[in-house]
Amino acid sequence: MTSSTATVGALIGYGFSVENAFLAVDTVFDLAIDVFSRGRQLDAAVGGSNVRDSTAQAWAEAVGPEVAPVMRQALADPAATWFDRKLKLVLDGIAAGLAPT
């Protein structure tokens, strides 16, 4: 039994429907894969730098002056910092929208 299967089963045991349990686990799994994959892409070497550092200014300019500081911080922070915040957001959404009442 895989850990995702066990997690789906645990959520069903807590009263989630089968569909909602699977959706919750699949969403968290997708988030983890996306953050890990994107981090690898951003840290890939390009010239004497990496994609993250060489494109940070262009991305910051593209989002505009109000959002630029947040964009720069997101690129500078360890991936775990933003992953933790995203995961909390997703888990809060699962609790609010999918968990049994």
PDB file of N, CA and C in Angstrom:
ATOM      1  N   MET A   1       0.850  -1.177   0.000  1.00  0.00           N
ATOM      2  CA  MET A   1       0.000   0.000   0.000  1.00  0.00           C
ATOM      3  C   MET A   1       0.896   1.241   0.000  1.00  0.00           C
ATOM      4  N   THR A   2       0.627   2.147  -0.900  1.00  0.00           N
ATOM      5  CA  THR A   2       1.409   3.374  -0.954  1.00  0.00           C
ATOM      6  C   THR A   2       0.940   4.340   0.121  1.00  0.00           C
ATOM      7  N   SER A   3       1.780   5.329   0.408  1.00  0.00           N
ATOM      8  CA  SER A   3       1.398   6.291   1.437  1.00  0.00           C
ATOM      9  C   SER A   3       0.190   7.113   1.009  1.00  0.00           C
ATOM     10  N   SER A   4       0.050   7.404  -0.293  1.00  0.00           N
ATOM     11  CA  SER A   4      -1.127   8.159  -0.733  1.00  0.00           C
ATOM     12  C   SER A   4      -2.388   7.327  -0.576  1.00  0.00           C
ATOM     13  N   THR A   5      -2.310   6.039  -0.839  1.00  0.00           N
ATOM     14  CA  THR A   5      -3.462   5.166  -0.639  1.00  0.00           C
ATOM     15  C   THR A   5      -3.829   5.108   0.835  1.00  0.00           C
ATOM     16  N   ALA A   6      -2.820   5.023   1.681  1.00  0.00           N
ATOM     17  CA  ALA A   6      -3.071   5.001   3.120  1.00  0.00           C
ATOM     18  C   ALA A   6      -3.665   6.320   3.588  1.00  0.00           C
ATOM     19  N   THR A   7      -3.201   7.418   3.015  1.00  0.00           N
ATOM     20  CA  THR A   7      -3.724   8.727   3.400  1.00  0.00           C
ATOM     21  C   THR A   7      -5.167   8.881   2.960  1.00  0.00           C
ATOM     22  N   VAL A   8      -5.479   8.462   1.741  1.00  0.00           N
ATOM     23  CA  VAL A   8      -6.868   8.491   1.278  1.00  0.00           C
ATOM     24  C   VAL A   8      -7.730   7.659   2.226  1.00  0.00           C
ATOM     25  N   GLY A   9      -7.252   6.480   2.567  1.00  0.00           N
ATOM     26  CA  GLY A   9      -8.002   5.616   3.487  1.00  0.00           C
ATOM     27  C   GLY A   9      -8.196   6.255   4.848  1.00  0.00           C
ATOM     28  N   ALA A  10      -7.170   6.945   5.337  1.00  0.00           N
ATOM     29  CA  ALA A  10      -7.288   7.615   6.634  1.00  0.00           C
ATOM     30  C   ALA A  10      -8.332   8.720   6.581  1.00  0.00           C
ATOM     31  N   LEU A  11      -8.327   9.495   5.490  1.00  0.00           N
ATOM     32  CA  LEU A  11      -9.312  10.570   5.365  1.00  0.00           C
ATOM     33  C   LEU A  11     -10.736  10.006   5.269  1.00  0.00           C
ATOM     34  N   ILE A  12     -10.888   8.899   4.567  1.00  0.00           N
ATOM     35  CA  ILE A  12     -12.199   8.238   4.501  1.00  0.00           C
ATOM     36  C   ILE A  12     -12.620   7.820   5.916  1.00  0.00           C
ATOM     37  N   GLY A  13     -11.664   7.314   6.675  1.00  0.00           N
ATOM     38  CA  GLY A  13     -11.941   6.928   8.060  1.00  0.00           C
ATOM     39  C   GLY A  13     -12.368   8.098   8.931  1.00  0.00           C
ATOM     40  N   TYR A  14     -11.924   9.300   8.563  1.00  0.00           N
ATOM     41  CA  TYR A  14     -12.332  10.510   9.296  1.00  0.00           C
ATOM     42  C   TYR A  14     -13.651  11.075   8.772  1.00  0.00           C
ATOM     43  N   GLY A  15     -14.254  10.417   7.801  1.00  0.00           N
ATOM     44  CA  GLY A  15     -15.565  10.836   7.326  1.00  0.00           C
ATOM     45  C   GLY A  15     -15.590  11.538   5.981  1.00  0.00           C
ATOM     46  N   PHE A  16     -14.428  11.686   5.341  1.00  0.00           N
ATOM     47  CA  PHE A  16     -14.406  12.266   3.998  1.00  0.00           C
ATOM     48  C   PHE A  16     -15.067  11.286   3.032  1.00  0.00           C
ATOM     49  N   SER A  17     -15.729  11.821   2.009  1.00  0.00           N
ATOM     50  CA  SER A  17     -16.202  10.939   0.941  1.00  0.00           C
ATOM     51  C   SER A  17     -14.968  10.417   0.207  1.00  0.00           C
ATOM     52  N   VAL A  18     -15.141   9.332  -0.515  1.00  0.00           N
ATOM     53  CA  VAL A  18     -14.023   8.770  -1.269  1.00  0.00           C
ATOM     54  C   VAL A  18     -13.487   9.806  -2.253  1.00  0.00           C
ATOM     55  N   GLU A  19     -14.390  10.472  -2.962  1.00  0.00           N
ATOM     56  CA  GLU A  19     -13.971  11.470  -3.949  1.00  0.00           C
ATOM     57  C   GLU A  19     -13.224  12.629  -3.293  1.00  0.00           C
ATOM     58  N   ASN A  20     -13.738  13.154  -2.192  1.00  0.00           N
ATOM     59  CA  ASN A  20     -13.074  14.279  -1.527  1.00  0.00           C
ATOM     60  C   ASN A  20     -11.742  13.875  -0.914  1.00  0.00           C
ATOM     61  N   ALA A  21     -11.659  12.663  -0.395  1.00  0.00           N
ATOM     62  CA  ALA A  21     -10.394  12.182   0.162  1.00  0.00           C
ATOM     63  C   ALA A  21      -9.338  12.101  -0.939  1.00  0.00           C
ATOM     64  N   PHE A  22      -9.727  11.526  -2.073  1.00  0.00           N
ATOM     65  CA  PHE A  22      -8.786  11.418  -3.183  1.00  0.00           C
ATOM     66  C   PHE A  22      -8.393  12.799  -3.703  1.00  0.00           C
ATOM     67  N   LEU A  23      -9.364  13.701  -3.858  1.00  0.00           N
ATOM     68  CA  LEU A  23      -9.080  15.056  -4.330  1.00  0.00           C
ATOM     69  C   LEU A  23      -8.111  15.776  -3.396  1.00  0.00           C
ATOM     70  N   ALA A  24      -8.307  15.648  -2.105  1.00  0.00           N
ATOM     71  CA  ALA A  24      -7.428  16.294  -1.131  1.00  0.00           C
ATOM     72  C   ALA A  24      -5.998  15.776  -1.251  1.00  0.00           C
ATOM     73  N   VAL A  25      -5.843  14.472  -1.289  1.00  0.00           N
ATOM     74  CA  VAL A  25      -4.506  13.878  -1.374  1.00  0.00           C
ATOM     75  C   VAL A  25      -3.858  14.206  -2.712  1.00  0.00           C
ATOM     76  N   ASP A  26      -4.603  14.121  -3.785  1.00  0.00           N
ATOM     77  CA  ASP A  26      -4.067  14.418  -5.111  1.00  0.00           C
ATOM     78  C   ASP A  26      -3.621  15.873  -5.206  1.00  0.00           C
ATOM     79  N   THR A  27      -4.367  16.788  -4.602  1.00  0.00           N
ATOM     80  CA  THR A  27      -4.018  18.206  -4.624  1.00  0.00           C
ATOM     81  C   THR A  27      -2.712  18.465  -3.876  1.00  0.00           C
ATOM     82  N   VAL A  28      -2.570  17.884  -2.705  1.00  0.00           N
ATOM     83  CA  VAL A  28      -1.332  18.066  -1.931  1.00  0.00           C
ATOM     84  C   VAL A  28      -0.156  17.441  -2.672  1.00  0.00           C
ATOM     85  N   PHE A  29      -0.375  16.274  -3.265  1.00  0.00           N
ATOM     86  CA  PHE A  29       0.671  15.615  -4.047  1.00  0.00           C
ATOM     87  C   PHE A  29       1.094  16.506  -5.219  1.00  0.00           C
ATOM     88  N   ASP A  30       0.116  17.047  -5.949  1.00  0.00           N
ATOM     89  CA  ASP A  30       0.432  17.931  -7.073  1.00  0.00           C
ATOM     90  C   ASP A  30       1.208  19.163  -6.625  1.00  0.00           C
ATOM     91  N   LEU A  31       0.828  19.747  -5.503  1.00  0.00           N
ATOM     92  CA  LEU A  31       1.544  20.912  -4.980  1.00  0.00           C
ATOM     93  C   LEU A  31       3.000  20.557  -4.702  1.00  0.00           C
ATOM     94  N   ALA A  32       3.229  19.440  -4.047  1.00  0.00           N
ATOM     95  CA  ALA A  32       4.596  19.031  -3.719  1.00  0.00           C
ATOM     96  C   ALA A  32       5.424  18.810  -4.979  1.00  0.00           C
ATOM     97  N   ILE A  33       4.858  18.126  -5.953  1.00  0.00           N
ATOM     98  CA  ILE A  33       5.576  17.861  -7.207  1.00  0.00           C
ATOM     99  C   ILE A  33       5.863  19.173  -7.930  1.00  0.00           C
ATOM    100  N   ASP A  34       4.874  20.075  -7.983  1.00  0.00           N
ATOM    101  CA  ASP A  34       5.056  21.349  -8.670  1.00  0.00           C
ATOM    102  C   ASP A  34       6.163  22.179  -8.026  1.00  0.00           C
ATOM    103  N   VAL A  35       6.137  22.300  -6.715  1.00  0.00           N
ATOM    104  CA  VAL A  35       7.146  23.115  -6.026  1.00  0.00           C
ATOM    105  C   VAL A  35       8.536  22.503  -6.218  1.00  0.00           C
ATOM    106  N   PHE A  36       8.652  21.195  -6.095  1.00  0.00           N
ATOM    107  CA  PHE A  36       9.939  20.536  -6.275  1.00  0.00           C
ATOM    108  C   PHE A  36      10.449  20.711  -7.705  1.00  0.00           C
ATOM    109  N   SER A  37       9.565  20.468  -8.690  1.00  0.00           N
ATOM    110  CA  SER A  37       9.969  20.575 -10.098  1.00  0.00           C
ATOM    111  C   SER A  37      10.335  22.004 -10.465  1.00  0.00           C
ATOM    112  N   ARG A  38       9.517  22.954 -10.035  1.00  0.00           N
ATOM    113  CA  ARG A  38       9.787  24.361 -10.342  1.00  0.00           C
ATOM    114  C   ARG A  38      11.092  24.807  -9.693  1.00  0.00           C
ATOM    115  N   GLY A  39      11.352  24.351  -8.489  1.00  0.00           N
ATOM    116  CA  GLY A  39      12.612  24.690  -7.822  1.00  0.00           C
ATOM    117  C   GLY A  39      13.811  24.200  -8.616  1.00  0.00           C
ATOM    118  N   ARG A  40      13.718  22.997  -9.140  1.00  0.00           N
ATOM    119  CA  ARG A  40      14.809  22.467  -9.969  1.00  0.00           C
ATOM    120  C   ARG A  40      14.996  23.294 -11.219  1.00  0.00           C
ATOM    121  N   GLN A  41      13.887  23.720 -11.830  1.00  0.00           N
ATOM    122  CA  GLN A  41      13.971  24.560 -13.028  1.00  0.00           C
ATOM    123  C   GLN A  41      14.609  25.908 -12.702  1.00  0.00           C
ATOM    124  N   LEU A  42      14.198  26.499 -11.595  1.00  0.00           N
ATOM    125  CA  LEU A  42      14.718  27.818 -11.224  1.00  0.00           C
ATOM    126  C   LEU A  42      16.190  27.770 -10.847  1.00  0.00           C
ATOM    127  N   ASP A  43      16.632  26.648 -10.319  1.00  0.00           N
ATOM    128  CA  ASP A  43      18.025  26.529  -9.893  1.00  0.00           C
ATOM    129  C   ASP A  43      18.946  26.002 -10.988  1.00  0.00           C
ATOM    130  N   ALA A  44      18.408  25.760 -12.178  1.00  0.00           N
ATOM    131  CA  ALA A  44      19.229  25.283 -13.295  1.00  0.00           C
ATOM    132  C   ALA A  44      20.240  26.357 -13.701  1.00  0.00           C
ATOM    133  N   ALA A  45      21.407  25.898 -14.050  1.00  0.00           N
ATOM    134  CA  ALA A  45      22.471  26.818 -14.447  1.00  0.00           C
ATOM    135  C   ALA A  45      22.148  27.477 -15.782  1.00  0.00           C
ATOM    136  N   VAL A  46      22.462  28.774 -15.833  1.00  0.00           N
ATOM    137  CA  VAL A  46      22.332  29.526 -17.078  1.00  0.00           C
ATOM    138  C   VAL A  46      23.430  30.585 -17.048  1.00  0.00           C
ATOM    139  N   GLY A  47      24.331  30.503 -18.004  1.00  0.00           N
ATOM    140  CA  GLY A  47      25.480  31.406 -17.981  1.00  0.00           C
ATOM    141  C   GLY A  47      26.283  31.186 -16.708  1.00  0.00           C
ATOM    142  N   GLY A  48      26.636  32.253 -16.023  1.00  0.00           N
ATOM    143  CA  GLY A  48      27.372  32.135 -14.767  1.00  0.00           C
ATOM    144  C   GLY A  48      26.464  32.210 -13.560  1.00  0.00           C
ATOM    145  N   SER A  49      25.163  32.008 -13.770  1.00  0.00           N
ATOM    146  CA  SER A  49      24.185  32.163 -12.698  1.00  0.00           C
ATOM    147  C   SER A  49      23.200  31.005 -12.760  1.00  0.00           C
ATOM    148  N   ASN A  50      21.997  31.240 -12.297  1.00  0.00           N
ATOM    149  CA  ASN A  50      20.921  30.266 -12.445  1.00  0.00           C
ATOM    150  C   ASN A  50      19.675  31.004 -12.925  1.00  0.00           C
ATOM    151  N   VAL A  51      18.664  30.262 -13.325  1.00  0.00           N
ATOM    152  CA  VAL A  51      17.454  30.862 -13.871  1.00  0.00           C
ATOM    153  C   VAL A  51      16.814  31.800 -12.857  1.00  0.00           C
ATOM    154  N   ARG A  52      16.754  31.385 -11.604  1.00  0.00           N
ATOM    155  CA  ARG A  52      16.134  32.187 -10.549  1.00  0.00           C
ATOM    156  C   ARG A  52      16.761  33.580 -10.480  1.00  0.00           C
ATOM    157  N   ASP A  53      18.082  33.631 -10.384  1.00  0.00           N
ATOM    158  CA  ASP A  53      18.772  34.914 -10.227  1.00  0.00           C
ATOM    159  C   ASP A  53      18.781  35.736 -11.513  1.00  0.00           C
ATOM    160  N   SER A  54      18.915  35.052 -12.642  1.00  0.00           N
ATOM    161  CA  SER A  54      19.034  35.784 -13.902  1.00  0.00           C
ATOM    162  C   SER A  54      17.704  36.344 -14.401  1.00  0.00           C
ATOM    163  N   THR A  55      16.596  35.842 -13.905  1.00  0.00           N
ATOM    164  CA  THR A  55      15.288  36.318 -14.364  1.00  0.00           C
ATOM    165  C   THR A  55      14.499  37.055 -13.293  1.00  0.00           C
ATOM    166  N   ALA A  56      15.013  37.128 -12.069  1.00  0.00           N
ATOM    167  CA  ALA A  56      14.266  37.729 -10.959  1.00  0.00           C
ATOM    168  C   ALA A  56      13.844  39.163 -11.257  1.00  0.00           C
ATOM    169  N   GLN A  57      14.738  39.965 -11.801  1.00  0.00           N
ATOM    170  CA  GLN A  57      14.416  41.362 -12.064  1.00  0.00           C
ATOM    171  C   GLN A  57      13.316  41.483 -13.121  1.00  0.00           C
ATOM    172  N   ALA A  58      13.410  40.695 -14.171  1.00  0.00           N
ATOM    173  CA  ALA A  58      12.391  40.745 -15.226  1.00  0.00           C
ATOM    174  C   ALA A  58      11.028  40.326 -14.689  1.00  0.00           C
ATOM    175  N   TRP A  59      10.998  39.289 -13.852  1.00  0.00           N
ATOM    176  CA  TRP A  59       9.726  38.858 -13.273  1.00  0.00           C
ATOM    177  C   TRP A  59       9.167  39.916 -12.335  1.00  0.00           C
ATOM    178  N   ALA A  60      10.043  40.532 -11.556  1.00  0.00           N
ATOM    179  CA  ALA A  60       9.599  41.576 -10.633  1.00  0.00           C
ATOM    180  C   ALA A  60       9.017  42.757 -11.405  1.00  0.00           C
ATOM    181  N   GLU A  61       9.655  43.133 -12.496  1.00  0.00           N
ATOM    182  CA  GLU A  61       9.139  44.229 -13.313  1.00  0.00           C
ATOM    183  C   GLU A  61       7.806  43.855 -13.959  1.00  0.00           C
ATOM    184  N   ALA A  62       7.659  42.604 -14.350  1.00  0.00           N
ATOM    185  CA  ALA A  62       6.441  42.164 -15.023  1.00  0.00           C
ATOM    186  C   ALA A  62       5.214  42.210 -14.106  1.00  0.00           C
ATOM    187  N   VAL A  63       5.404  41.989 -12.816  1.00  0.00           N
ATOM    188  CA  VAL A  63       4.256  41.981 -11.897  1.00  0.00           C
ATOM    189  C   VAL A  63       3.912  43.361 -11.385  1.00  0.00           C
ATOM    190  N   GLY A  64       4.779  44.334 -11.636  1.00  0.00           N
ATOM    191  CA  GLY A  64       4.494  45.706 -11.239  1.00  0.00           C
ATOM    192  C   GLY A  64       5.083  46.061  -9.891  1.00  0.00           C
ATOM    193  N   PRO A  65       5.151  47.361  -9.603  1.00  0.00           N
ATOM    194  CA  PRO A  65       5.851  47.840  -8.413  1.00  0.00           C
ATOM    195  C   PRO A  65       5.218  47.417  -7.083  1.00  0.00           C
ATOM    196  N   GLU A  66       3.915  47.229  -7.063  1.00  0.00           N
ATOM    197  CA  GLU A  66       3.269  46.848  -5.800  1.00  0.00           C
ATOM    198  C   GLU A  66       3.589  45.408  -5.417  1.00  0.00           C
ATOM    199  N   VAL A  67       3.635  44.536  -6.402  1.00  0.00           N
ATOM    200  CA  VAL A  67       3.849  43.109  -6.159  1.00  0.00           C
ATOM    201  C   VAL A  67       5.327  42.728  -6.244  1.00  0.00           C
ATOM    202  N   ALA A  68       6.143  43.551  -6.881  1.00  0.00           N
ATOM    203  CA  ALA A  68       7.554  43.229  -7.108  1.00  0.00           C
ATOM    204  C   ALA A  68       8.308  42.826  -5.845  1.00  0.00           C
ATOM    205  N   PRO A  69       8.149  43.533  -4.715  1.00  0.00           N
ATOM    206  CA  PRO A  69       8.884  43.112  -3.512  1.00  0.00           C
ATOM    207  C   PRO A  69       8.502  41.704  -3.047  1.00  0.00           C
ATOM    208  N   VAL A  70       7.244  41.364  -3.201  1.00  0.00           N
ATOM    209  CA  VAL A  70       6.800  40.018  -2.809  1.00  0.00           C
ATOM    210  C   VAL A  70       7.394  38.979  -3.754  1.00  0.00           C
ATOM    211  N   MET A  71       7.420  39.295  -5.042  1.00  0.00           N
ATOM    212  CA  MET A  71       8.006  38.389  -6.032  1.00  0.00           C
ATOM    213  C   MET A  71       9.489  38.172  -5.726  1.00  0.00           C
ATOM    214  N   ARG A  72      10.200  39.255  -5.467  1.00  0.00           N
ATOM    215  CA  ARG A  72      11.631  39.121  -5.151  1.00  0.00           C
ATOM    216  C   ARG A  72      11.845  38.275  -3.895  1.00  0.00           C
ATOM    217  N   GLN A  73      11.004  38.503  -2.883  1.00  0.00           N
ATOM    218  CA  GLN A  73      11.133  37.739  -1.640  1.00  0.00           C
ATOM    219  C   GLN A  73      10.850  36.261  -1.877  1.00  0.00           C
ATOM    220  N   ALA A  74       9.824  35.980  -2.675  1.00  0.00           N
ATOM    221  CA  ALA A  74       9.490  34.583  -2.977  1.00  0.00           C
ATOM    222  C   ALA A  74      10.636  33.880  -3.689  1.00  0.00           C
ATOM    223  N   LEU A  75      11.324  34.604  -4.565  1.00  0.00           N
ATOM    224  CA  LEU A  75      12.460  34.013  -5.282  1.00  0.00           C
ATOM    225  C   LEU A  75      13.689  33.876  -4.385  1.00  0.00           C
ATOM    226  N   ALA A  76      13.821  34.768  -3.409  1.00  0.00           N
ATOM    227  CA  ALA A  76      14.998  34.741  -2.534  1.00  0.00           C
ATOM    228  C   ALA A  76      14.843  33.761  -1.370  1.00  0.00           C
ATOM    229  N   ASP A  77      13.618  33.582  -0.894  1.00  0.00           N
ATOM    230  CA  ASP A  77      13.390  32.692   0.249  1.00  0.00           C
ATOM    231  C   ASP A  77      13.663  31.240  -0.124  1.00  0.00           C
ATOM    232  N   PRO A  78      14.004  30.426   0.851  1.00  0.00           N
ATOM    233  CA  PRO A  78      14.117  28.987   0.587  1.00  0.00           C
ATOM    234  C   PRO A  78      12.766  28.450   0.088  1.00  0.00           C
ATOM    235  N   ALA A  79      12.807  27.503  -0.796  1.00  0.00           N
ATOM    236  CA  ALA A  79      11.572  26.941  -1.351  1.00  0.00           C
ATOM    237  C   ALA A  79      10.649  26.432  -0.251  1.00  0.00           C
ATOM    238  N   ALA A  80      11.209  25.921   0.825  1.00  0.00           N
ATOM    239  CA  ALA A  80      10.383  25.389   1.914  1.00  0.00           C
ATOM    240  C   ALA A  80       9.501  26.462   2.536  1.00  0.00           C
ATOM    241  N   THR A  81       9.968  27.699   2.558  1.00  0.00           N
ATOM    242  CA  THR A  81       9.181  28.784   3.147  1.00  0.00           C
ATOM    243  C   THR A  81       7.874  28.965   2.389  1.00  0.00           C
ATOM    244  N   TRP A  82       7.961  29.079   1.080  1.00  0.00           N
ATOM    245  CA  TRP A  82       6.754  29.275   0.279  1.00  0.00           C
ATOM    246  C   TRP A  82       5.940  27.997   0.174  1.00  0.00           C
ATOM    247  N   PHE A  83       6.597  26.857   0.149  1.00  0.00           N
ATOM    248  CA  PHE A  83       5.857  25.596   0.140  1.00  0.00           C
ATOM    249  C   PHE A  83       5.009  25.481   1.399  1.00  0.00           C
ATOM    250  N   ASP A  84       5.583  25.789   2.557  1.00  0.00           N
ATOM    251  CA  ASP A  84       4.830  25.712   3.810  1.00  0.00           C
ATOM    252  C   ASP A  84       3.603  26.620   3.778  1.00  0.00           C
ATOM    253  N   ARG A  85       3.770  27.826   3.246  1.00  0.00           N
ATOM    254  CA  ARG A  85       2.634  28.757   3.170  1.00  0.00           C
ATOM    255  C   ARG A  85       1.570  28.243   2.200  1.00  0.00           C
ATOM    256  N   LYS A  86       2.006  27.728   1.067  1.00  0.00           N
ATOM    257  CA  LYS A  86       1.052  27.187   0.090  1.00  0.00           C
ATOM    258  C   LYS A  86       0.331  25.962   0.650  1.00  0.00           C
ATOM    259  N   LEU A  87       1.094  25.098   1.321  1.00  0.00           N
ATOM    260  CA  LEU A  87       0.493  23.897   1.897  1.00  0.00           C
ATOM    261  C   LEU A  87      -0.551  24.262   2.942  1.00  0.00           C
ATOM    262  N   LYS A  88      -0.250  25.225   3.780  1.00  0.00           N
ATOM    263  CA  LYS A  88      -1.222  25.666   4.784  1.00  0.00           C
ATOM    264  C   LYS A  88      -2.484  26.177   4.110  1.00  0.00           C
ATOM    265  N   LEU A  89      -2.329  26.953   3.057  1.00  0.00           N
ATOM    266  CA  LEU A  89      -3.477  27.469   2.322  1.00  0.00           C
ATOM    267  C   LEU A  89      -4.324  26.324   1.759  1.00  0.00           C
ATOM    268  N   VAL A  90      -3.665  25.344   1.156  1.00  0.00           N
ATOM    269  CA  VAL A  90      -4.380  24.201   0.588  1.00  0.00           C
ATOM    270  C   VAL A  90      -5.075  23.403   1.683  1.00  0.00           C
ATOM    271  N   LEU A  91      -4.377  23.147   2.781  1.00  0.00           N
ATOM    272  CA  LEU A  91      -4.988  22.374   3.872  1.00  0.00           C
ATOM    273  C   LEU A  91      -6.168  23.120   4.497  1.00  0.00           C
ATOM    274  N   ASP A  92      -6.046  24.441   4.627  1.00  0.00           N
ATOM    275  CA  ASP A  92      -7.182  25.226   5.113  1.00  0.00           C
ATOM    276  C   ASP A  92      -8.369  25.102   4.169  1.00  0.00           C
ATOM    277  N   GLY A  93      -8.085  25.134   2.867  1.00  0.00           N
ATOM    278  CA  GLY A  93      -9.147  24.972   1.874  1.00  0.00           C
ATOM    279  C   GLY A  93      -9.789  23.602   1.934  1.00  0.00           C
ATOM    280  N   ILE A  94      -8.984  22.577   2.136  1.00  0.00           N
ATOM    281  CA  ILE A  94      -9.515  21.223   2.268  1.00  0.00           C
ATOM    282  C   ILE A  94     -10.414  21.139   3.503  1.00  0.00           C
ATOM    283  N   ALA A  95      -9.940  21.724   4.601  1.00  0.00           N
ATOM    284  CA  ALA A  95     -10.741  21.701   5.828  1.00  0.00           C
ATOM    285  C   ALA A  95     -12.060  22.459   5.648  1.00  0.00           C
ATOM    286  N   ALA A  96     -12.006  23.575   4.946  1.00  0.00           N
ATOM    287  CA  ALA A  96     -13.206  24.408   4.777  1.00  0.00           C
ATOM    288  C   ALA A  96     -14.168  23.851   3.724  1.00  0.00           C
ATOM    289  N   GLY A  97     -13.627  23.248   2.672  1.00  0.00           N
ATOM    290  CA  GLY A  97     -14.481  22.880   1.552  1.00  0.00           C
ATOM    291  C   GLY A  97     -14.731  21.399   1.343  1.00  0.00           C
ATOM    292  N   LEU A  98     -13.871  20.542   1.873  1.00  0.00           N
ATOM    293  CA  LEU A  98     -14.015  19.117   1.590  1.00  0.00           C
ATOM    294  C   LEU A  98     -14.270  18.268   2.830  1.00  0.00           C
ATOM    295  N   ALA A  99     -13.824  18.729   3.977  1.00  0.00           N
ATOM    296  CA  ALA A  99     -13.939  17.922   5.200  1.00  0.00           C
ATOM    297  C   ALA A  99     -15.410  17.771   5.587  1.00  0.00           C
ATOM    298  N   PRO A 100     -15.730  16.625   6.168  1.00  0.00           N
ATOM    299  CA  PRO A 100     -17.099  16.429   6.617  1.00  0.00           C
ATOM    300  C   PRO A 100     -17.447  17.407   7.742  1.00  0.00           C
ATOM    301  N   THR A 101     -18.704  17.774   7.810  1.00  0.00           N
ATOM    302  CA  THR A 101     -19.127  18.699   8.858  1.00  0.00           C
ATOM    303  C   THR A 101     -19.823  17.999   9.991  1.00  0.00           C
TER     304      THR A 101
END
